[in-house]
Amino acid sequence: MGEFVALIDIIPEDTDVDFDSLIEDLKAVLPDSCKIEHHKIMPVAFGLKKTRLRVRYPEEWGGTDKIEEIFGEVDGIQGIEAIAFSKA
C-alpha cells in the first residue's frame, strides 16, 4: 500500500514551550512507519503559538485519528487538530 500525508496542528498548553523539545517528543512516540517531514511554528493568539506538522504515515491508517491518538500521549499538549490529509 501507499502512504498518506497529513497537516496536523499541535497547540501546547503554555506560551513558554520549547518547540524543539516538543517536536522531539512527538517524533519519539511515532512508530517507524511514520515520519514528521516538516514543521512550522505559527502564532495563535495572546502569545500562544502552535506548530503545524507535515506527517507521512501508512495509507491503511486511513484518516488522521491514529496520528492524533498517538500525539495525544505527549504531555503538555492542549489541542491536536488535523487540517488536511491526502495520498502522498
Foldseek 3Di string as FASTA:
>chain_A
DAKKKWKKKWWFPDLPDDVVVLVVLLQVLDDPQKDFPDKDWADDDDSTIIIITIMMHHCVVPDCPVSLVSSVVDPGTDDMDIDDMDTD
